């Protein structure tokens, strides 16, 4: 009976540990973990909240530039591009929040699985897919 109880407790602890690990932030080694083009498909104020669909691309370049490109689906300007500075520090992305100003925000990688990644920045969650 004691063996069965211990087995049940250890299984329960293992399940809890796996659940906590699944919700833990992802620590990036360096910028090589994110280099390349990403489609920003949506943004939200809460991880499980309502998502606003986007048509934006982010390209994390080797030279520390995050090239952002917004596609105007209304057809007025076609696209709008802004280069921002970024770096990976302490396992998180530190990116310029306003072009031309040395003001930065820190973004944590909440999930990174396969070609999908979720970032938690200062005010928003961003949902990305590697292109």
N, C-alpha and C. Protein backbone atom coordinates (compact mmCIF):
# COMPACT_ATOMS: atom_id res chain seq x y z
N UNK A 1 0.82 -1.19 0.00
CA UNK A 1 0.00 0.00 0.00
C UNK A 1 0.86 1.26 0.00
N UNK A 2 1.94 1.23 0.77
CA UNK A 2 2.83 2.38 0.82
C UNK A 2 3.49 2.58 -0.55
N UNK A 3 3.86 1.47 -1.22
CA UNK A 3 4.48 1.58 -2.54
C UNK A 3 3.51 2.22 -3.54
N UNK A 4 2.22 1.84 -3.47
CA UNK A 4 1.23 2.41 -4.38
C UNK A 4 1.06 3.90 -4.12
N UNK A 5 1.03 4.29 -2.85
CA UNK A 5 0.88 5.70 -2.49
C UNK A 5 2.09 6.50 -2.99
N UNK A 6 3.28 5.98 -2.78
CA UNK A 6 4.49 6.66 -3.24
C UNK A 6 4.49 6.77 -4.76
N UNK A 7 4.07 5.73 -5.46
CA UNK A 7 4.01 5.75 -6.91
C UNK A 7 3.05 6.84 -7.39
N UNK A 8 1.87 6.91 -6.74
CA UNK A 8 0.89 7.93 -7.13
C UNK A 8 1.43 9.33 -6.87
N UNK A 9 2.11 9.53 -5.73
CA UNK A 9 2.67 10.84 -5.42
C UNK A 9 3.77 11.22 -6.40
N UNK A 10 4.63 10.27 -6.75
CA UNK A 10 5.72 10.59 -7.69
C UNK A 10 5.16 10.88 -9.08
N UNK A 11 4.11 10.16 -9.49
CA UNK A 11 3.48 10.44 -10.79
C UNK A 11 2.86 11.83 -10.78
N UNK A 12 2.21 12.18 -9.68
CA UNK A 12 1.58 13.49 -9.55
C UNK A 12 2.62 14.61 -9.59
N UNK A 13 3.75 14.41 -8.89
CA UNK A 13 4.81 15.41 -8.90
C UNK A 13 5.43 15.55 -10.29
N UNK A 14 5.59 14.44 -10.97
CA UNK A 14 6.14 14.48 -12.33
C UNK A 14 5.21 15.25 -13.27
N UNK A 15 3.91 15.02 -13.15
CA UNK A 15 2.94 15.71 -13.99
C UNK A 15 2.95 17.22 -13.70
N UNK A 16 3.05 17.59 -12.42
CA UNK A 16 3.09 19.00 -12.05
C UNK A 16 4.37 19.66 -12.58
N UNK A 17 5.48 18.95 -12.48
CA UNK A 17 6.75 19.49 -12.97
C UNK A 17 6.69 19.71 -14.47
N UNK A 18 6.12 18.75 -15.21
CA UNK A 18 6.00 18.91 -16.66
C UNK A 18 5.08 20.06 -17.01
N UNK A 19 4.01 20.26 -16.28
CA UNK A 19 3.09 21.36 -16.55
C UNK A 19 3.77 22.70 -16.31
N UNK A 20 4.54 22.80 -15.23
CA UNK A 20 5.26 24.04 -14.94
C UNK A 20 6.32 24.30 -16.00
N UNK A 21 7.02 23.27 -16.44
CA UNK A 21 8.06 23.43 -17.46
C UNK A 21 7.46 23.90 -18.77
N UNK A 22 6.27 23.44 -19.09
CA UNK A 22 5.62 23.83 -20.35
C UNK A 22 5.27 25.32 -20.34
N UNK A 23 5.03 25.88 -19.16
CA UNK A 23 4.67 27.28 -19.05
C UNK A 23 5.85 28.18 -18.72
N UNK A 24 7.05 27.61 -18.59
CA UNK A 24 8.23 28.39 -18.25
C UNK A 24 8.71 29.18 -19.47
N UNK A 25 9.31 30.34 -19.21
CA UNK A 25 9.86 31.14 -20.29
C UNK A 25 11.02 30.39 -20.95
N UNK A 26 11.23 30.65 -22.22
CA UNK A 26 12.33 30.06 -22.97
C UNK A 26 13.51 31.03 -22.89
N UNK A 27 14.66 30.54 -22.48
CA UNK A 27 15.86 31.37 -22.42
C UNK A 27 16.65 31.19 -23.71
N UNK A 28 16.83 32.26 -24.46
CA UNK A 28 17.59 32.20 -25.71
C UNK A 28 19.09 32.13 -25.39
N UNK A 29 19.82 31.29 -26.15
CA UNK A 29 21.28 31.21 -25.98
C UNK A 29 21.92 32.50 -26.47
N UNK A 30 21.54 32.87 -27.68
CA UNK A 30 22.04 34.08 -28.33
C UNK A 30 21.11 34.38 -29.50
N UNK A 31 21.50 35.33 -30.33
CA UNK A 31 20.59 35.73 -31.42
C UNK A 31 20.43 34.65 -32.47
N UNK A 32 21.30 33.64 -32.50
CA UNK A 32 21.16 32.58 -33.50
C UNK A 32 19.85 31.81 -33.33
N UNK A 33 19.26 31.87 -32.14
CA UNK A 33 17.98 31.20 -31.89
C UNK A 33 16.81 31.86 -32.63
N UNK A 34 16.99 33.12 -33.05
CA UNK A 34 15.87 33.85 -33.66
C UNK A 34 16.20 34.44 -35.03
N UNK A 35 17.45 34.35 -35.47
CA UNK A 35 17.86 34.94 -36.75
C UNK A 35 16.96 34.46 -37.87
N UNK A 36 16.57 35.39 -38.74
CA UNK A 36 15.75 35.05 -39.89
C UNK A 36 14.45 35.83 -39.92
N UNK A 37 13.63 35.50 -40.89
CA UNK A 37 12.35 36.19 -41.10
C UNK A 37 11.22 35.48 -40.37
N UNK A 38 10.38 36.27 -39.74
CA UNK A 38 9.22 35.78 -38.99
C UNK A 38 7.99 36.55 -39.44
N UNK A 39 6.88 35.85 -39.54
CA UNK A 39 5.59 36.49 -39.79
C UNK A 39 4.92 36.71 -38.44
N UNK A 40 4.62 37.97 -38.12
CA UNK A 40 3.89 38.28 -36.89
C UNK A 40 2.42 38.16 -37.24
N UNK A 41 1.81 37.08 -36.79
CA UNK A 41 0.44 36.78 -37.22
C UNK A 41 -0.62 37.46 -36.37
N UNK A 42 -0.28 37.74 -35.09
CA UNK A 42 -1.28 38.35 -34.20
C UNK A 42 -0.60 38.99 -33.00
N UNK A 43 -1.38 39.85 -32.33
CA UNK A 43 -0.96 40.44 -31.06
C UNK A 43 -2.15 40.38 -30.11
N UNK A 44 -1.85 40.38 -28.81
CA UNK A 44 -2.91 40.34 -27.80
C UNK A 44 -2.40 40.96 -26.50
N UNK A 45 -3.31 41.47 -25.70
CA UNK A 45 -2.92 42.04 -24.41
C UNK A 45 -2.76 40.96 -23.35
N UNK A 46 -3.38 39.79 -23.57
CA UNK A 46 -3.27 38.64 -22.67
C UNK A 46 -2.89 37.43 -23.50
N UNK A 47 -2.16 36.51 -22.89
CA UNK A 47 -1.73 35.32 -23.61
C UNK A 47 -2.92 34.53 -24.15
N UNK A 48 -3.97 34.41 -23.35
CA UNK A 48 -5.15 33.67 -23.77
C UNK A 48 -6.31 34.60 -24.13
N UNK A 49 -5.98 35.88 -24.40
CA UNK A 49 -7.01 36.86 -24.73
C UNK A 49 -7.29 36.91 -26.22
N UNK A 50 -8.17 37.85 -26.58
CA UNK A 50 -8.55 38.02 -27.98
C UNK A 50 -7.34 38.50 -28.78
N UNK A 51 -7.11 37.87 -29.92
CA UNK A 51 -5.97 38.20 -30.76
C UNK A 51 -6.39 39.13 -31.90
N UNK A 52 -5.58 40.16 -32.12
CA UNK A 52 -5.77 41.06 -33.27
C UNK A 52 -4.85 40.53 -34.37
N UNK A 53 -5.43 40.15 -35.50
CA UNK A 53 -4.64 39.61 -36.60
C UNK A 53 -3.79 40.70 -37.24
N UNK A 54 -2.55 40.35 -37.61
CA UNK A 54 -1.62 41.30 -38.20
C UNK A 54 -1.07 40.76 -39.51
N UNK A 55 -0.55 41.66 -40.32
CA UNK A 55 0.15 41.28 -41.54
C UNK A 55 1.51 42.00 -41.50
N UNK A 56 2.37 41.51 -40.60
CA UNK A 56 3.65 42.14 -40.32
C UNK A 56 4.75 41.09 -40.42
N UNK A 57 5.92 41.52 -40.88
CA UNK A 57 7.08 40.63 -40.90
C UNK A 57 8.20 41.26 -40.09
N UNK A 58 8.89 40.44 -39.31
CA UNK A 58 10.07 40.86 -38.58
C UNK A 58 11.21 40.01 -39.09
N UNK A 59 12.32 40.66 -39.42
CA UNK A 59 13.51 39.91 -39.78
C UNK A 59 14.61 40.27 -38.79
N UNK A 60 14.99 39.29 -37.97
CA UNK A 60 16.10 39.46 -37.04
C UNK A 60 17.38 39.20 -37.83
N UNK A 61 18.16 40.27 -38.06
CA UNK A 61 19.36 40.12 -38.86
C UNK A 61 20.58 39.93 -37.97
N UNK A 62 21.61 39.35 -38.53
CA UNK A 62 22.85 39.05 -37.82
C UNK A 62 23.51 40.32 -37.28
N UNK A 63 23.31 41.45 -37.96
CA UNK A 63 23.98 42.70 -37.59
C UNK A 63 23.28 43.48 -36.46
N UNK A 64 22.31 42.85 -35.79
CA UNK A 64 21.62 43.51 -34.68
C UNK A 64 20.49 44.43 -35.11
N UNK A 65 20.03 44.27 -36.34
CA UNK A 65 18.90 45.06 -36.83
C UNK A 65 17.67 44.17 -36.95
N UNK A 66 16.58 44.65 -36.39
CA UNK A 66 15.27 44.01 -36.54
C UNK A 66 14.53 44.81 -37.61
N UNK A 67 14.45 44.25 -38.81
CA UNK A 67 13.78 44.93 -39.92
C UNK A 67 12.30 44.59 -39.85
N UNK A 68 11.48 45.59 -39.57
CA UNK A 68 10.03 45.37 -39.49
C UNK A 68 9.39 45.85 -40.78
N UNK A 69 8.41 45.08 -41.24
CA UNK A 69 7.71 45.43 -42.47
C UNK A 69 6.22 45.16 -42.26
N UNK A 70 5.44 46.23 -42.33
CA UNK A 70 3.99 46.10 -42.20
C UNK A 70 3.39 46.18 -43.60
N UNK A 71 2.49 45.28 -43.89
CA UNK A 71 1.82 45.24 -45.19
C UNK A 71 0.48 45.95 -45.05
N UNK A 72 0.24 46.94 -45.89
CA UNK A 72 -1.02 47.68 -45.87
C UNK A 72 -2.02 46.95 -46.76
N UNK A 73 -2.93 46.23 -46.14
CA UNK A 73 -3.91 45.48 -46.91
C UNK A 73 -4.93 46.39 -47.59
N UNK A 74 -5.02 47.64 -47.15
CA UNK A 74 -5.92 48.60 -47.78
C UNK A 74 -5.37 49.13 -49.10
N UNK A 75 -4.07 48.93 -49.33
CA UNK A 75 -3.47 49.30 -50.60
C UNK A 75 -3.02 50.75 -50.72
N UNK A 76 -3.06 51.51 -49.64
CA UNK A 76 -2.68 52.93 -49.74
C UNK A 76 -1.16 53.08 -49.87
N UNK A 77 -0.40 52.41 -49.01
CA UNK A 77 1.06 52.57 -49.03
C UNK A 77 1.79 51.28 -49.39
N UNK A 78 1.10 50.22 -49.60
CA UNK A 78 1.63 48.89 -49.91
C UNK A 78 2.41 48.30 -48.75
N UNK A 79 3.52 48.91 -48.34
CA UNK A 79 4.24 48.42 -47.18
C UNK A 79 4.98 49.56 -46.51
N UNK A 80 5.31 49.34 -45.24
CA UNK A 80 5.98 50.34 -44.43
C UNK A 80 7.08 49.62 -43.68
N UNK A 81 8.34 50.05 -43.86
CA UNK A 81 9.46 49.35 -43.25
C UNK A 81 10.20 50.25 -42.27
N UNK A 82 10.59 49.65 -41.13
CA UNK A 82 11.32 50.38 -40.11
C UNK A 82 12.43 49.47 -39.58
N UNK A 83 13.68 49.94 -39.59
CA UNK A 83 14.75 49.18 -38.95
C UNK A 83 14.85 49.56 -37.47
N UNK A 84 14.92 48.57 -36.61
CA UNK A 84 15.08 48.78 -35.17
C UNK A 84 16.32 48.02 -34.70
N UNK A 85 16.98 48.52 -33.68
CA UNK A 85 18.11 47.82 -33.09
C UNK A 85 17.58 46.75 -32.13
N UNK A 86 18.31 45.65 -32.03
CA UNK A 86 17.95 44.62 -31.05
C UNK A 86 19.20 43.87 -30.61
N UNK A 87 19.07 43.18 -29.49
CA UNK A 87 20.12 42.28 -29.02
C UNK A 87 19.47 41.21 -28.16
N UNK A 88 20.20 40.14 -27.90
CA UNK A 88 19.73 39.11 -26.98
C UNK A 88 20.60 39.20 -25.74
N UNK A 89 19.97 39.50 -24.61
CA UNK A 89 20.68 39.68 -23.34
C UNK A 89 19.93 38.93 -22.25
N UNK A 90 20.65 38.16 -21.48
CA UNK A 90 20.04 37.42 -20.38
C UNK A 90 18.95 36.48 -20.84
N UNK A 91 19.07 35.95 -22.06
CA UNK A 91 18.10 35.01 -22.59
C UNK A 91 16.85 35.65 -23.16
N UNK A 92 16.80 37.01 -23.17
CA UNK A 92 15.63 37.73 -23.66
C UNK A 92 16.02 38.67 -24.79
N UNK A 93 15.02 39.11 -25.55
CA UNK A 93 15.24 40.04 -26.65
C UNK A 93 15.07 41.46 -26.12
N UNK A 94 16.08 42.29 -26.35
CA UNK A 94 16.00 43.70 -26.00
C UNK A 94 15.92 44.44 -27.33
N UNK A 95 14.75 45.08 -27.60
CA UNK A 95 14.58 45.74 -28.89
C UNK A 95 14.22 47.21 -28.71
N UNK A 96 14.66 48.00 -29.67
CA UNK A 96 14.37 49.43 -29.68
C UNK A 96 12.86 49.60 -29.81
N UNK A 97 12.28 50.40 -28.93
CA UNK A 97 10.83 50.56 -28.96
C UNK A 97 10.39 51.69 -29.89
N UNK A 98 11.27 52.66 -30.14
CA UNK A 98 10.95 53.78 -31.03
C UNK A 98 12.14 54.04 -31.94
N UNK A 99 11.94 54.06 -33.25
CA UNK A 99 13.06 54.33 -34.16
C UNK A 99 13.71 55.68 -33.87
N UNK A 100 15.05 55.71 -33.91
CA UNK A 100 15.77 56.96 -33.71
C UNK A 100 15.96 57.36 -32.27
N UNK A 101 15.37 56.62 -31.34
CA UNK A 101 15.54 56.91 -29.90
C UNK A 101 16.18 55.71 -29.23
N UNK A 102 16.96 55.96 -28.24
CA UNK A 102 17.63 54.86 -27.53
C UNK A 102 16.78 54.36 -26.36
N UNK A 103 15.50 54.16 -26.64
CA UNK A 103 14.58 53.60 -25.65
C UNK A 103 14.30 52.15 -26.06
N UNK A 104 14.47 51.21 -25.13
CA UNK A 104 14.35 49.79 -25.44
C UNK A 104 13.30 49.13 -24.56
N UNK A 105 12.73 48.06 -25.08
CA UNK A 105 11.83 47.21 -24.29
C UNK A 105 12.39 45.80 -24.33
N UNK A 106 12.08 45.05 -23.28
CA UNK A 106 12.54 43.67 -23.19
C UNK A 106 11.38 42.74 -23.51
N UNK A 107 11.65 41.75 -24.34
CA UNK A 107 10.65 40.76 -24.72
C UNK A 107 11.12 39.37 -24.31
N UNK A 108 10.28 38.69 -23.56
CA UNK A 108 10.57 37.31 -23.15
C UNK A 108 9.96 36.36 -24.15
N UNK A 109 10.67 35.29 -24.43
CA UNK A 109 10.11 34.24 -25.27
C UNK A 109 9.31 33.34 -24.33
N UNK A 110 8.00 33.35 -24.47
CA UNK A 110 7.11 32.55 -23.63
C UNK A 110 7.04 31.12 -24.13
N UNK A 111 6.95 30.95 -25.44
CA UNK A 111 6.90 29.62 -26.06
C UNK A 111 7.72 29.66 -27.34
N UNK A 112 8.40 28.57 -27.61
CA UNK A 112 9.12 28.43 -28.89
C UNK A 112 9.12 26.94 -29.22
N UNK A 113 8.30 26.60 -30.20
CA UNK A 113 8.16 25.19 -30.58
C UNK A 113 8.07 25.10 -32.09
N UNK A 114 8.97 24.34 -32.68
CA UNK A 114 8.99 24.22 -34.13
C UNK A 114 9.20 25.57 -34.76
N UNK A 115 8.32 25.97 -35.67
CA UNK A 115 8.46 27.26 -36.34
C UNK A 115 7.62 28.36 -35.69
N UNK A 116 7.04 28.09 -34.52
CA UNK A 116 6.21 29.08 -33.83
C UNK A 116 6.89 29.62 -32.59
N UNK A 117 6.64 30.90 -32.31
CA UNK A 117 7.21 31.55 -31.14
C UNK A 117 6.21 32.57 -30.61
N UNK A 118 6.12 32.68 -29.29
CA UNK A 118 5.27 33.69 -28.64
C UNK A 118 6.17 34.57 -27.79
N UNK A 119 6.09 35.89 -28.00
CA UNK A 119 6.87 36.85 -27.23
C UNK A 119 5.96 37.64 -26.31
N UNK A 120 6.44 37.93 -25.10
CA UNK A 120 5.75 38.82 -24.17
C UNK A 120 6.61 40.06 -24.05
N UNK A 121 6.17 41.14 -24.68
CA UNK A 121 6.88 42.41 -24.60
C UNK A 121 6.22 43.26 -23.52
N UNK A 122 6.57 44.51 -23.42
CA UNK A 122 6.10 45.36 -22.32
C UNK A 122 4.58 45.36 -22.18
N UNK A 123 3.86 45.59 -23.26
CA UNK A 123 2.41 45.70 -23.17
C UNK A 123 1.65 44.65 -23.96
N UNK A 124 2.33 43.93 -24.86
CA UNK A 124 1.63 43.01 -25.76
C UNK A 124 2.32 41.66 -25.87
N UNK A 125 1.53 40.67 -26.22
CA UNK A 125 2.04 39.36 -26.63
C UNK A 125 2.04 39.36 -28.15
N UNK A 126 3.12 38.84 -28.75
CA UNK A 126 3.21 38.72 -30.19
C UNK A 126 3.33 37.25 -30.55
N UNK A 127 2.58 36.83 -31.57
CA UNK A 127 2.55 35.45 -32.03
C UNK A 127 3.24 35.41 -33.40
N UNK A 128 4.35 34.68 -33.48
CA UNK A 128 5.17 34.67 -34.68
C UNK A 128 5.31 33.27 -35.26
N UNK A 129 5.49 33.22 -36.57
CA UNK A 129 5.76 31.96 -37.27
C UNK A 129 6.95 32.21 -38.18
N UNK A 130 7.94 31.33 -38.11
CA UNK A 130 9.14 31.45 -38.94
C UNK A 130 8.78 31.27 -40.40
N UNK A 131 9.29 32.15 -41.25
CA UNK A 131 9.01 32.09 -42.70
C UNK A 131 10.08 31.25 -43.38
